[in-house]
Amino acid sequence: MNNKKTIITAIVTLVVGLLLGWLIFGGSEAEPADEHLHDTEVAEETTWTCSMHPQIRQSEPGDCPICGMDLIPLENENNDEGLDPNAISMSPTAMQLANIQTAIVGNMDSVKKVRLNGKVQSDERLVYSQSSHIPGRIENLMVNFTGEYVQKGQVIASIYSPDLVTAQEELFEAQNIGESQPALFRAAQEKLKNWKLTEEQIQQILESGAVQENFEIRADVSGYVAEKIVNTGDYISRGQAIYKIADLTRVWILFDVYESDMPWVNQGEKVAFTIASLPGKTFEGEISFIDPVIDPKTRVAKARVVVANPNLALKPEMFASGVAEAQLSGDNEALVVPKSAVMWTGKRSVVYIKSSSEQGVNFIMREVTLGPALGESYVIESGLMEGEEIAVNGTFSIDAAAQLAGKPSMMQRPESKTMEVPQLFRQQITEVARAYFNIKNALVNDDPETAQKAAGKVSTTIENVNMQQLEEEAHQRWMPLQKKLKGASAMISANADIEKQREHFNTLSDAMLETTESFGLEIDKTYRQFCPMAFDDKGAFWLSESEEVLNPYFGDMMLRCGEVKQTYHKGQATYLKDDSATQQAGSHHH
């Protein structure tokens, strides 16, 4: 009985304990639920922006209304507490959405690959003029078209020669008195030999005792007829060429070498090349000669590669594409980074260094000095150390985040004070700017021919700028800008390829913007505009006479992509900051 009471008491105690536990602890579970709800509300308040167009801000994820890219969450600036004030922290989600990738900086062989284009040509040393050693009239041509193969000793033409008929008659007369006048007989034979008749042919004439009116002309060399110079019935003089014969068992590949590539292409270097009409085959040769003079029209020099052509697969005028590898001077190894890691606008070149802390991953901008370009990479002269980790993809997204956070970014160019210069000088550089606008508008209209002509006008206008009245500081500022403007405009004028023109236009724009900021223009308003998607998302600036955004780097393909970054006023380079008013003006024209 006591055992039964004990069991009942234990059960009642357990039930009461469970009830009290539910009442006490069950109520406390409401707080985490409220917290979860609060977190959800906070998450819903996240601001979403576009990595390419940071002026876009929305309360919900989606696509950018300008370029259509996925929006990324705007980072909470409070997370940056305790970090370098210039560091940009990014969450794993933001890095994934922006497709940010990093790599460790290391040494690589400093080998520059130079791409070359050229043509197959006949070896000039193996092109012969097949001439007639006998004057007369062409009676018959055995080879009647170019491209026909002839063998050495083959009869290629017959000729009627009155002079040779006379010489044969003299030979017969000398033969008759040969015993008494042997010297005369020998002289008559030598006269025929001078016309390239062989001993055998002379002996046949003597044995026949009859004058031959037509004589055969035989090929001096083997090869292909490259040119037929005369026709049947033509009268020719002694030594006149009948055919040009080319031996194609050895040919030249003549590659075009642009001025900018000449330091990297040297005699003795190997070149691997392919022929468009011979897919799957790769040829190799050595540069045996480089023209010492640049063609003034094409602005290229020819690099010659001599290759054997035993099966005649390489035919003159075939197009060839080659790659030459040049070892840079100095150390064989150097710090090399991908081009996608570097953001540049002419003078400044920066990369983003990745570091980690308790707060997470962050990036800090660092300025670097670029060395030569190696295809898709740059040599870094200074600013980086081996082993550091840098962003190699999505760098513009990081820069956009820095701009939104009000931290140093590539977008922010240092202000330059307008210098006092004579009004005549300012008017003259304004004419340079107007000529520059013609290039810009030609690229907007996808018109490379007009861009070339306009670039020539820029060069002419620069020559007319009178800098004699400039003071020392202004003179020193103008000289490098003048050189840069002339060089870039000359490269645009020399290139018919619009993509090459746009590359040089970027350099020209950098110099034109710096000229505007340094001296001002005699134009009421000009605008510094920016396209973030130019040159594989590296971005590029240009100067515009109109607030309307018309993109010279893409033309009709993405005509409205870009925004106004700064406004310059007449006579001075005072401009608006990248404030909301400017951004709204820019976004209005996308």
Protein backbone atom coordinates (compact mmCIF):
# COMPACT_ATOMS: atom_id res chain seq x y z
CA MET A 1 0.00 0.00 0.00
CA ASN A 2 2.84 2.34 0.90
CA ASN A 3 4.56 1.48 -2.39
CA LYS A 4 1.41 2.43 -4.31
CA LYS A 5 1.20 5.80 -2.54
CA THR A 6 4.89 6.42 -3.27
CA ILE A 7 4.38 5.77 -7.01
CA ILE A 8 1.32 8.06 -7.19
CA THR A 9 3.22 10.82 -5.37
CA ALA A 10 6.13 10.54 -7.84
CA ILE A 11 3.80 10.72 -10.86
CA VAL A 12 2.00 13.79 -9.49
CA THR A 13 5.33 15.45 -8.75
CA LEU A 14 6.58 14.76 -12.33
CA VAL A 15 3.40 16.14 -13.90
CA VAL A 16 3.52 19.28 -11.75
CA GLY A 17 7.21 19.76 -12.60
CA LEU A 18 6.54 19.46 -16.34
CA LEU A 19 3.63 21.91 -16.08
CA LEU A 20 5.72 24.47 -14.20
CA GLY A 21 8.60 24.04 -16.68
CA TRP A 22 6.28 24.72 -19.60
CA LEU A 23 4.81 27.77 -17.92
CA ILE A 24 8.22 29.19 -17.01
CA PHE A 25 10.35 28.27 -19.99
CA GLY A 26 7.66 28.15 -22.62
CA GLY A 27 6.94 31.83 -22.14
CA SER A 28 10.61 32.70 -22.54
CA GLU A 29 10.65 31.14 -26.01
CA ALA A 30 8.55 34.05 -27.24
CA GLU A 31 11.54 36.37 -27.04
CA PRO A 32 13.71 34.49 -29.60
CA ALA A 33 10.65 34.30 -31.82
CA ASP A 34 10.29 38.08 -31.57
CA GLU A 35 13.99 38.42 -32.26
CA HIS A 36 13.70 36.23 -35.34
CA LEU A 37 10.83 38.38 -36.54
CA HIS A 38 12.89 41.50 -35.86
CA ASP A 39 15.82 40.05 -37.83
CA THR A 40 13.50 39.35 -40.70
CA GLU A 41 12.27 42.92 -40.62
CA VAL A 42 15.87 44.17 -40.60
CA ALA A 43 16.74 41.89 -43.52
CA GLU A 44 13.79 43.28 -45.41
CA GLU A 45 15.21 46.78 -44.91
CA THR A 46 18.46 45.93 -46.77
CA THR A 47 19.34 48.42 -49.50
CA TRP A 48 20.21 46.93 -52.89
CA THR A 49 22.43 48.66 -55.43
CA CYS A 50 24.10 48.04 -58.80
CA SER A 51 27.87 47.46 -58.90
CA MET A 52 28.05 49.24 -62.25
CA HIS A 53 25.68 52.11 -61.45
CA PRO A 54 25.98 52.82 -57.70
CA GLN A 55 23.42 55.64 -57.85
CA ILE A 56 20.72 52.96 -58.09
CA ARG A 57 19.29 52.09 -54.64
CA GLN A 58 16.26 49.87 -54.07
CA SER A 59 14.67 48.25 -51.05
CA GLU A 60 14.28 44.90 -52.83
CA PRO A 61 16.63 42.70 -54.90
CA GLY A 62 16.20 42.59 -58.65
CA ASP A 63 17.79 43.84 -61.89
CA CYS A 64 19.44 47.21 -62.48
CA PRO A 65 17.03 49.40 -64.46
CA ILE A 66 19.99 50.78 -66.47
CA CYS A 67 22.16 47.80 -67.45
CA GLY A 68 20.08 44.83 -66.30
CA MET A 69 22.75 43.37 -63.97
CA ASP A 70 21.73 41.70 -60.69
CA LEU A 71 21.58 44.13 -57.77
CA ILE A 72 23.87 43.49 -54.80
CA PRO A 73 23.24 44.33 -51.11
CA LEU A 74 24.73 47.60 -49.87
CA GLU A 75 27.13 46.86 -47.05
CA ASN A 76 26.41 48.15 -43.56
CA GLU A 77 29.06 50.75 -42.82
CA ASN A 78 28.94 49.94 -39.07
CA ASN A 79 30.70 46.63 -39.80
CA ASP A 80 33.87 48.55 -40.64
CA GLU A 81 34.51 49.63 -37.04
CA GLY A 82 38.03 48.78 -35.94
CA LEU A 83 39.32 48.46 -39.53
CA ASP A 84 41.58 50.72 -41.55
CA PRO A 85 39.39 53.79 -42.24
CA ASN A 86 40.03 53.30 -45.99
CA ALA A 87 39.17 49.57 -45.97
CA ILE A 88 36.02 48.28 -47.65
CA SER A 89 34.46 45.27 -45.93
CA MET A 90 32.40 42.86 -48.02
CA SER A 91 30.30 39.92 -46.94
CA PRO A 92 30.69 36.50 -48.63
CA THR A 93 27.25 36.99 -50.21
CA ALA A 94 28.19 40.36 -51.69
CA MET A 95 31.49 38.95 -53.01
CA GLN A 96 29.66 36.04 -54.63
CA LEU A 97 27.02 38.26 -56.23
CA ALA A 98 29.69 40.64 -57.55
CA ASN A 99 31.76 37.67 -58.80
CA ILE A 100 34.84 38.89 -56.93
CA GLN A 101 37.86 36.59 -57.30
CA THR A 102 41.31 36.95 -55.79
CA ALA A 103 44.80 35.60 -56.45
CA ILE A 104 48.20 35.57 -54.76
CA VAL A 105 50.81 37.86 -56.34
CA GLY A 106 53.83 35.89 -57.51
CA ASN A 107 56.85 35.95 -59.79
CA MET A 108 56.49 34.81 -63.37
CA ASP A 109 58.72 34.66 -66.42
CA SER A 110 58.68 38.17 -67.86
CA VAL A 111 58.00 37.07 -71.42
CA LYS A 112 55.90 39.38 -73.58
CA LYS A 113 53.88 37.83 -76.37
CA VAL A 114 53.50 40.08 -79.40
CA ARG A 115 50.83 39.17 -81.92
CA LEU A 116 51.82 39.76 -85.54
CA ASN A 117 49.89 39.69 -88.79
CA GLY A 118 51.47 39.32 -92.21
CA LYS A 119 51.53 37.70 -95.63
CA VAL A 120 53.44 35.03 -97.49
CA GLN A 121 55.65 36.52 -100.22
CA SER A 122 58.15 35.17 -102.74
CA ASP A 123 61.77 35.20 -101.66
CA GLU A 124 63.15 38.15 -103.63
CA ARG A 125 66.48 36.35 -103.95
CA LEU A 126 64.79 33.46 -105.78
CA VAL A 127 62.96 35.55 -108.39
CA TYR A 128 64.73 35.52 -111.80
CA SER A 129 64.25 37.43 -115.05
CA GLN A 130 64.30 35.03 -117.98
CA SER A 131 65.66 37.12 -120.84
CA SER A 132 66.45 36.59 -124.51
CA HIS A 133 70.10 36.82 -125.49
CA ILE A 134 69.08 37.10 -129.14
CA PRO A 135 67.36 40.20 -130.59
CA GLY A 136 64.40 39.56 -132.88
CA ARG A 137 60.71 38.77 -133.12
CA ILE A 138 58.87 36.32 -130.85
CA GLU A 139 57.56 33.60 -133.14
CA ASN A 140 56.12 31.29 -130.50
CA LEU A 141 55.65 31.20 -126.70
CA MET A 142 55.50 27.72 -125.20
CA VAL A 143 54.48 29.14 -121.77
CA ASN A 144 51.36 31.25 -122.17
CA PHE A 145 50.16 32.04 -118.64
CA THR A 146 51.47 32.94 -115.21
CA GLY A 147 51.70 30.22 -112.58
CA GLU A 148 52.93 27.57 -115.03
CA TYR A 149 55.91 25.55 -113.86
CA VAL A 150 59.03 25.43 -116.06
CA GLN A 151 62.05 23.17 -115.75
CA LYS A 152 65.59 24.37 -116.25
CA GLY A 153 66.59 23.74 -119.92
CA GLN A 154 62.96 23.56 -121.08
CA VAL A 155 62.19 25.31 -124.39
CA ILE A 156 59.99 28.25 -123.48
CA ALA A 157 59.98 30.36 -126.69
CA SER A 158 61.26 30.53 -130.27
CA ILE A 159 62.55 33.71 -131.91
CA TYR A 160 63.30 34.89 -135.45
CA SER A 161 66.48 36.96 -135.53
CA PRO A 162 67.80 38.68 -138.70
CA ASP A 163 71.04 39.42 -136.81
CA LEU A 164 71.52 35.73 -136.10
CA VAL A 165 70.85 34.83 -139.76
CA THR A 166 73.63 37.26 -140.75
CA ALA A 167 75.95 35.78 -138.12
CA GLN A 168 75.37 32.26 -139.48
CA GLU A 169 76.21 33.38 -143.00
CA GLU A 170 79.44 34.88 -141.68
CA LEU A 171 80.16 31.56 -139.94
CA PHE A 172 79.81 29.62 -143.20
CA GLU A 173 82.09 32.03 -145.05
CA ALA A 174 84.68 31.79 -142.29
CA GLN A 175 84.42 28.01 -142.41
CA ASN A 176 85.29 28.00 -146.08
CA ILE A 177 88.55 29.83 -145.39
CA GLY A 178 89.07 28.20 -142.00
CA GLU A 179 92.34 26.52 -143.03
CA SER A 180 93.95 29.76 -144.16
CA GLN A 181 92.21 32.06 -141.65
CA PRO A 182 91.59 29.97 -138.47
CA ALA A 183 91.36 33.07 -136.26
CA LEU A 184 88.51 34.44 -138.34
CA PHE A 185 86.67 31.13 -138.08
CA ARG A 186 87.08 31.09 -134.28
CA ALA A 187 85.83 34.71 -134.05
CA ALA A 188 82.69 33.81 -136.00
CA GLN A 189 81.99 30.95 -133.56
CA GLU A 190 82.60 33.20 -130.52
CA LYS A 191 80.07 35.69 -131.85
CA LEU A 192 77.39 33.00 -131.73
CA LYS A 193 78.52 31.89 -128.28
CA ASN A 194 78.00 35.48 -127.06
CA TRP A 195 74.34 35.01 -127.98
CA LYS A 196 74.28 31.99 -125.64
CA LEU A 197 74.35 29.36 -128.38
CA THR A 198 76.02 26.20 -127.13
CA GLU A 199 78.91 24.34 -128.83
CA GLU A 200 76.42 21.64 -129.73
CA GLN A 201 74.06 24.11 -131.44
CA ILE A 202 76.95 25.70 -133.40
CA GLN A 203 78.18 22.27 -134.49
CA GLN A 204 74.67 21.35 -135.67
CA ILE A 205 74.54 24.56 -137.77
CA LEU A 206 77.92 23.74 -139.36
CA GLU A 207 76.92 20.14 -140.09
CA SER A 208 73.57 21.14 -141.59
CA GLY A 209 75.17 23.78 -143.81
CA ALA A 210 71.89 25.69 -143.81
CA VAL A 211 70.98 28.94 -142.10
CA GLN A 212 68.42 28.54 -139.26
CA GLU A 213 65.85 31.35 -139.08
CA ASN A 214 64.18 30.46 -135.74
CA PHE A 215 66.07 29.72 -132.55
CA GLU A 216 64.81 28.18 -129.32
CA ILE A 217 65.13 29.96 -125.95
CA ARG A 218 65.57 27.63 -123.00
CA ALA A 219 64.78 28.30 -119.32
CA ASP A 220 67.84 29.25 -117.28
CA VAL A 221 66.22 28.15 -113.96
CA SER A 222 63.36 26.02 -112.65
CA GLY A 223 60.35 27.65 -111.04
CA TYR A 224 56.89 29.15 -111.52
CA VAL A 225 56.15 31.88 -114.02
CA ALA A 226 55.32 34.89 -111.87
CA GLU A 227 54.89 37.31 -114.79
CA LYS A 228 54.63 37.01 -118.60
CA ILE A 229 56.13 40.20 -120.02
CA VAL A 230 55.87 39.76 -123.84
CA ASN A 231 53.42 38.28 -126.31
CA THR A 232 53.79 36.41 -129.61
CA GLY A 233 54.83 38.78 -132.39
CA ASP A 234 56.58 41.30 -130.11
CA TYR A 235 60.02 42.54 -131.12
CA ILE A 236 62.56 42.34 -128.35
CA SER A 237 66.12 43.54 -127.94
CA ARG A 238 69.06 41.58 -126.68
CA GLY A 239 68.80 41.00 -122.90
CA GLN A 240 65.13 41.97 -122.69
CA ALA A 241 63.10 39.96 -120.14
CA ILE A 242 60.43 37.59 -121.43
CA TYR A 243 59.26 36.06 -118.13
CA LYS A 244 59.81 36.45 -114.40
CA ILE A 245 60.32 33.03 -112.82
CA ALA A 246 60.03 32.47 -109.04
CA ASP A 247 61.41 29.54 -107.11
CA LEU A 248 58.86 28.92 -104.33
CA THR A 249 60.72 26.15 -102.51
CA ARG A 250 61.66 28.86 -100.01
CA VAL A 251 59.39 31.83 -99.16
CA TRP A 252 59.27 34.88 -96.91
CA ILE A 253 56.64 35.63 -94.28
CA LEU A 254 56.51 39.43 -93.94
CA PHE A 255 54.90 40.45 -90.63
CA ASP A 256 53.70 43.98 -89.81
CA VAL A 257 55.32 45.39 -86.66
CA TYR A 258 53.65 48.49 -85.20
CA GLU A 259 55.72 51.24 -83.63
CA SER A 260 54.50 50.37 -80.13
CA ASP A 261 55.64 46.76 -80.55
CA MET A 262 59.04 47.45 -82.09
CA PRO A 263 60.97 47.37 -78.77
CA TRP A 264 59.78 43.77 -78.26
CA VAL A 265 60.43 42.33 -81.74
CA ASN A 266 64.09 41.65 -82.44
CA GLN A 267 66.15 39.87 -85.04
CA GLY A 268 66.84 36.25 -84.13
CA GLU A 269 63.62 35.69 -82.16
CA LYS A 270 61.40 32.70 -82.89
CA VAL A 271 57.93 33.24 -84.35
CA ALA A 272 55.22 30.58 -84.38
CA PHE A 273 52.56 31.27 -86.98
CA THR A 274 49.49 29.79 -88.60
CA ILE A 275 47.93 30.22 -92.03
CA ALA A 276 44.20 30.88 -92.28
CA SER A 277 43.80 28.55 -95.27
CA LEU A 278 45.77 25.72 -93.61
CA PRO A 279 43.84 25.07 -90.38
CA GLY A 280 45.44 22.81 -87.81
CA LYS A 281 49.01 23.43 -88.98
CA THR A 282 51.55 25.51 -87.07
CA PHE A 283 54.77 26.75 -88.64
CA GLU A 284 57.85 28.17 -86.98
CA GLY A 285 60.67 30.39 -88.13
CA GLU A 286 63.21 32.92 -87.00
CA ILE A 287 63.17 36.65 -87.67
CA SER A 288 66.08 37.17 -90.05
CA PHE A 289 65.58 40.85 -90.87
CA ILE A 290 63.58 43.90 -89.69
CA ASP A 291 63.11 46.95 -91.89
CA PRO A 292 65.23 49.84 -90.61
CA VAL A 293 62.62 52.36 -91.87
CA ILE A 294 58.92 52.64 -90.93
CA ASP A 295 56.42 53.00 -93.74
CA PRO A 296 55.10 56.60 -93.43
CA LYS A 297 51.58 55.63 -94.55
CA THR A 298 50.93 52.44 -92.56
CA ARG A 299 53.28 53.29 -89.64
CA VAL A 300 54.62 49.74 -89.59
CA ALA A 301 57.93 48.03 -90.28
CA LYS A 302 58.25 44.59 -91.87
CA ALA A 303 59.79 41.67 -90.00
CA ARG A 304 60.98 38.87 -92.30
CA VAL A 305 60.83 35.17 -91.50
CA VAL A 306 62.36 32.79 -94.06
CA VAL A 307 60.85 29.29 -94.19
CA ALA A 308 61.35 26.25 -96.40
CA ASN A 309 58.39 25.37 -98.61
CA PRO A 310 59.23 22.00 -100.20
CA ASN A 311 55.61 20.91 -100.81
CA LEU A 312 54.55 24.42 -101.90
CA ALA A 313 51.77 24.58 -99.25
CA LEU A 314 52.67 28.22 -98.58
CA LYS A 315 51.56 30.36 -101.49
CA PRO A 316 52.30 34.07 -101.99
CA GLU A 317 49.64 36.46 -100.60
CA MET A 318 48.32 33.97 -98.02
CA PHE A 319 47.53 35.65 -94.67
CA ALA A 320 49.60 34.60 -91.65
CA SER A 321 49.02 35.17 -87.91
CA GLY A 322 52.03 34.81 -85.64
CA VAL A 323 53.19 35.21 -82.05
CA ALA A 324 56.68 36.34 -81.07
CA GLU A 325 57.90 35.87 -77.50
CA ALA A 326 60.23 38.58 -76.24
CA GLN A 327 62.22 38.21 -73.03
CA LEU A 328 62.15 41.51 -71.17
CA SER A 329 65.48 43.04 -70.25
CA GLY A 330 66.67 42.72 -66.66
CA ASP A 331 65.52 39.93 -64.38
CA ASN A 332 63.99 36.89 -66.01
CA GLU A 333 61.24 36.88 -63.37
CA ALA A 334 59.07 39.78 -62.24
CA LEU A 335 55.84 40.42 -60.35
CA VAL A 336 53.03 39.90 -62.83
CA VAL A 337 49.29 40.45 -62.30
CA PRO A 338 46.30 39.99 -64.64
CA LYS A 339 45.06 43.11 -66.45
CA SER A 340 41.64 42.60 -64.86
CA ALA A 341 43.19 43.31 -61.45
CA VAL A 342 44.34 46.82 -62.41
CA MET A 343 42.13 49.89 -62.59
CA TRP A 344 43.71 52.80 -64.42
CA THR A 345 42.91 56.18 -65.93
CA GLY A 346 46.21 57.13 -67.52
CA LYS A 347 48.46 58.34 -64.70
CA ARG A 348 46.97 56.43 -61.78
CA SER A 349 46.93 52.64 -61.62
CA VAL A 350 45.50 50.92 -58.54
CA VAL A 351 44.74 47.42 -57.27
CA TYR A 352 42.69 46.24 -54.29
CA ILE A 353 44.53 44.28 -51.58
CA LYS A 354 42.51 41.63 -49.73
CA SER A 355 42.91 41.14 -46.00
CA SER A 356 40.94 39.34 -43.30
CA SER A 357 40.04 40.34 -39.75
CA GLU A 358 37.56 39.40 -37.04
CA GLN A 359 34.97 41.52 -38.88
CA GLY A 360 35.50 39.49 -42.08
CA VAL A 361 37.04 40.15 -45.48
CA ASN A 362 38.02 43.68 -46.50
CA PHE A 363 39.84 45.38 -49.38
CA ILE A 364 42.18 48.38 -49.40
CA MET A 365 43.06 50.36 -52.52
CA ARG A 366 46.76 50.71 -53.30
CA GLU A 367 48.45 52.64 -56.10
CA VAL A 368 50.98 50.70 -58.19
CA THR A 369 53.49 51.49 -60.92
CA LEU A 370 52.93 49.47 -64.08
CA GLY A 371 55.71 48.05 -66.22
CA PRO A 372 55.28 46.57 -69.71
CA ALA A 373 52.06 44.81 -70.71
CA LEU A 374 52.47 41.07 -71.29
CA GLY A 375 49.42 40.10 -73.30
CA GLU A 376 46.69 39.76 -70.65
CA SER A 377 49.01 40.72 -67.76
CA TYR A 378 51.05 43.64 -66.46
CA VAL A 379 54.50 43.67 -64.92
CA ILE A 380 54.37 45.53 -61.59
CA GLU A 381 57.37 47.79 -61.09
CA SER A 382 56.45 48.90 -57.55
CA GLY A 383 53.57 48.94 -55.09
CA LEU A 384 53.11 45.20 -54.55
CA MET A 385 55.02 42.43 -52.81
CA GLU A 386 55.15 38.74 -53.59
CA GLY A 387 52.60 36.78 -51.55
CA GLU A 388 50.01 39.55 -51.22
CA GLU A 389 46.45 38.68 -52.24
CA ILE A 390 44.67 40.99 -54.68
CA ALA A 391 41.27 41.11 -56.39
CA VAL A 392 41.58 39.92 -59.99
CA ASN A 393 37.91 40.01 -60.94
CA GLY A 394 35.07 42.29 -59.84
CA THR A 395 37.42 45.16 -59.00
CA PHE A 396 34.91 47.72 -60.22
CA SER A 397 32.31 46.36 -57.79
CA ILE A 398 34.76 46.95 -54.92
CA ASP A 399 35.49 50.44 -56.21
CA ALA A 400 31.77 51.19 -56.45
CA ALA A 401 31.33 50.08 -52.83
CA ALA A 402 34.20 52.38 -51.84
CA GLN A 403 32.58 55.29 -53.65
CA LEU A 404 29.24 54.69 -51.94
CA ALA A 405 30.98 54.53 -48.55
CA GLY A 406 32.74 57.85 -49.22
CA LYS A 407 36.17 56.22 -49.14
CA PRO A 408 39.09 56.62 -51.57
CA SER A 409 38.23 55.13 -54.94
CA MET A 410 39.33 55.25 -58.53
CA MET A 411 36.36 57.49 -59.31
CA GLN A 412 37.74 60.28 -57.17
CA ARG A 413 40.39 62.22 -59.06
CA PRO A 414 42.38 64.83 -57.17
CA GLU A 415 41.25 68.37 -57.88
CA SER A 416 43.70 70.40 -59.93
CA LYS A 417 44.00 74.15 -59.60
CA THR A 418 43.39 76.11 -62.78
CA MET A 419 46.53 77.97 -63.81
CA GLU A 420 46.57 81.59 -64.98
CA VAL A 421 47.44 81.65 -68.69
CA PRO A 422 46.99 84.19 -71.53
CA GLN A 423 43.52 84.19 -73.04
CA LEU A 424 45.03 83.58 -76.50
CA PHE A 425 46.56 80.34 -75.25
CA ARG A 426 43.25 79.28 -73.72
CA GLN A 427 41.47 80.01 -77.00
CA GLN A 428 44.00 77.90 -78.90
CA ILE A 429 43.64 74.87 -76.61
CA THR A 430 39.88 75.34 -76.90
CA GLU A 431 40.32 74.76 -80.65
CA VAL A 432 42.20 71.56 -79.76
CA ALA A 433 39.21 70.53 -77.60
CA ARG A 434 36.78 71.24 -80.47
CA ALA A 435 38.87 69.04 -82.78
CA TYR A 436 38.88 66.38 -80.03
CA PHE A 437 35.05 66.53 -79.89
CA ASN A 438 34.99 65.64 -83.61
CA ILE A 439 36.92 62.43 -82.86
CA LYS A 440 34.58 61.67 -79.95
CA ASN A 441 31.48 62.16 -82.11
CA ALA A 442 32.92 60.02 -84.92
CA LEU A 443 33.47 57.16 -82.45
CA VAL A 444 29.93 57.67 -81.11
CA ASN A 445 28.72 57.22 -84.71
CA ASP A 446 30.96 54.13 -85.26
CA ASP A 447 32.77 55.99 -88.07
CA PRO A 448 36.52 55.12 -88.02
CA GLU A 449 37.30 56.97 -91.27
CA THR A 450 35.97 60.30 -89.94
CA ALA A 451 37.79 59.65 -86.64
CA GLN A 452 41.08 59.29 -88.55
CA LYS A 453 40.54 62.62 -90.34
CA ALA A 454 39.50 64.35 -87.12
CA ALA A 455 42.62 63.02 -85.36
CA GLY A 456 44.75 64.59 -88.08
CA LYS A 457 42.98 67.89 -87.38
CA VAL A 458 43.89 67.58 -83.68
CA SER A 459 47.58 67.20 -84.57
CA THR A 460 47.42 70.26 -86.85
CA THR A 461 45.61 72.33 -84.20
CA ILE A 462 48.18 71.43 -81.54
CA GLU A 463 50.96 72.68 -83.84
CA ASN A 464 49.22 76.08 -83.90
CA VAL A 465 49.23 76.48 -80.11
CA ASN A 466 51.60 79.33 -79.15
CA MET A 467 53.24 78.60 -75.80
CA GLN A 468 55.87 81.34 -75.87
CA GLN A 469 53.91 83.58 -73.47
CA LEU A 470 53.42 80.84 -70.87
CA GLU A 471 55.15 81.21 -67.55
CA GLU A 472 57.59 78.55 -66.38
CA GLU A 473 55.15 76.47 -64.33
CA ALA A 474 52.42 76.56 -67.01
CA HIS A 475 54.99 75.77 -69.72
CA GLN A 476 56.21 72.73 -67.81
CA ARG A 477 52.63 71.58 -67.31
CA TRP A 478 51.74 71.98 -71.02
CA MET A 479 54.77 70.29 -72.59
CA PRO A 480 54.04 66.68 -71.44
CA LEU A 481 50.34 67.18 -72.16
CA GLN A 482 51.15 68.41 -75.68
CA LYS A 483 53.30 65.34 -76.28
CA LYS A 484 50.58 63.01 -75.02
CA LEU A 485 47.87 64.70 -77.10
CA LYS A 486 49.99 64.55 -80.26
CA GLY A 487 51.02 60.94 -79.72
CA ALA A 488 47.51 59.64 -79.05
CA SER A 489 45.96 61.58 -81.95
CA ALA A 490 48.70 60.33 -84.28
CA MET A 491 47.94 56.72 -83.30
CA ILE A 492 44.22 57.26 -83.98
CA SER A 493 45.07 58.81 -87.35
CA ALA A 494 47.27 55.82 -88.23
CA ASN A 495 44.71 53.13 -87.27
CA ALA A 496 41.66 52.25 -89.36
CA ASP A 497 40.51 49.67 -86.75
CA ILE A 498 37.88 51.40 -84.58
CA GLU A 499 38.68 49.26 -81.53
CA LYS A 500 42.34 50.37 -81.69
CA GLN A 501 41.13 53.94 -82.16
CA ARG A 502 39.04 53.67 -78.98
CA GLU A 503 42.06 52.42 -77.00
CA HIS A 504 44.11 55.44 -78.09
CA PHE A 505 41.09 57.72 -77.57
CA ASN A 506 41.15 56.72 -73.89
CA THR A 507 44.74 58.02 -73.65
CA LEU A 508 43.79 61.14 -75.60
CA SER A 509 40.81 61.75 -73.29
CA ASP A 510 42.99 61.50 -70.19
CA ALA A 511 45.32 64.17 -71.60
CA MET A 512 42.38 66.34 -72.73
CA LEU A 513 40.75 66.17 -69.29
CA GLU A 514 44.02 67.10 -67.60
CA THR A 515 44.47 69.99 -70.05
CA THR A 516 40.96 71.23 -69.24
CA GLU A 517 41.56 70.99 -65.49
CA SER A 518 44.95 72.69 -65.76
CA PHE A 519 44.07 75.66 -67.97
CA GLY A 520 40.30 75.80 -68.49
CA LEU A 521 38.49 76.24 -71.81
CA GLU A 522 36.66 79.10 -73.49
CA ILE A 523 33.42 77.09 -73.47
CA ASP A 524 30.56 77.82 -71.06
CA LYS A 525 30.27 74.22 -69.84
CA THR A 526 31.99 70.95 -70.60
CA TYR A 527 31.41 67.61 -68.91
CA ARG A 528 33.63 64.80 -67.67
CA GLN A 529 31.65 61.65 -68.37
CA PHE A 530 32.33 58.06 -67.37
CA CYS A 531 31.46 54.61 -68.70
CA PRO A 532 32.01 51.86 -66.09
CA MET A 533 31.76 49.00 -68.59
CA ALA A 534 34.46 50.12 -71.05
CA PHE A 535 37.54 47.92 -71.54
CA ASP A 536 36.18 44.83 -69.75
CA ASP A 537 34.64 46.77 -66.84
CA LYS A 538 37.80 48.78 -66.13
CA GLY A 539 35.89 51.95 -66.99
CA ALA A 540 36.94 54.99 -69.00
CA PHE A 541 36.37 58.76 -68.98
CA TRP A 542 35.92 61.29 -71.77
CA LEU A 543 35.27 65.01 -72.21
CA SER A 544 31.96 66.06 -73.75
CA GLU A 545 30.64 69.39 -75.01
CA SER A 546 27.12 68.20 -74.21
CA GLU A 547 25.56 67.01 -70.96
CA GLU A 548 23.79 64.27 -72.90
CA VAL A 549 25.67 60.97 -72.55
CA LEU A 550 26.66 59.50 -75.93
CA ASN A 551 29.21 56.75 -75.42
CA PRO A 552 32.31 56.85 -77.71
CA TYR A 553 33.68 53.55 -76.38
CA PHE A 554 30.68 51.47 -77.47
CA GLY A 555 28.87 53.63 -80.03
CA ASP A 556 25.51 52.30 -81.10
CA MET A 557 26.01 49.05 -79.15
CA MET A 558 25.54 50.82 -75.77
CA LEU A 559 25.06 54.44 -76.77
CA ARG A 560 23.55 55.70 -73.48
CA CYS A 561 25.75 53.80 -71.04
CA GLY A 562 27.56 56.31 -68.82
CA GLU A 563 27.04 59.24 -66.52
CA VAL A 564 28.19 62.81 -65.91
CA LYS A 565 30.88 62.88 -63.22
CA GLN A 566 31.99 66.51 -63.26
CA THR A 567 31.01 69.80 -64.86
CA TYR A 568 33.74 72.25 -65.93
CA HIS A 569 32.93 75.95 -66.31
CA LYS A 570 34.33 78.53 -68.74
CA GLY A 571 37.84 79.72 -67.97
CA GLN A 572 38.34 77.57 -64.92
CA ALA A 573 38.22 73.91 -63.95
CA THR A 574 35.82 74.32 -61.04
CA TYR A 575 33.37 71.47 -61.13
CA LEU A 576 30.60 69.76 -59.21
CA LYS A 577 31.48 66.93 -56.88
CA ASP A 578 30.02 63.48 -57.48
CA ASP A 579 26.90 64.53 -55.57
CA SER A 580 23.35 63.36 -56.00
CA ALA A 581 22.51 66.17 -58.42
CA THR A 582 25.29 65.11 -60.76
CA GLN A 583 24.37 61.45 -60.43
CA GLN A 584 20.75 62.20 -61.21
CA ALA A 585 21.81 64.15 -64.28
CA GLY A 586 23.93 61.21 -65.40
CA SER A 587 21.34 58.55 -64.72
CA HIS A 588 18.79 60.56 -66.68
CA HIS A 589 20.81 60.01 -69.85
CA HIS A 590 21.41 56.27 -69.65
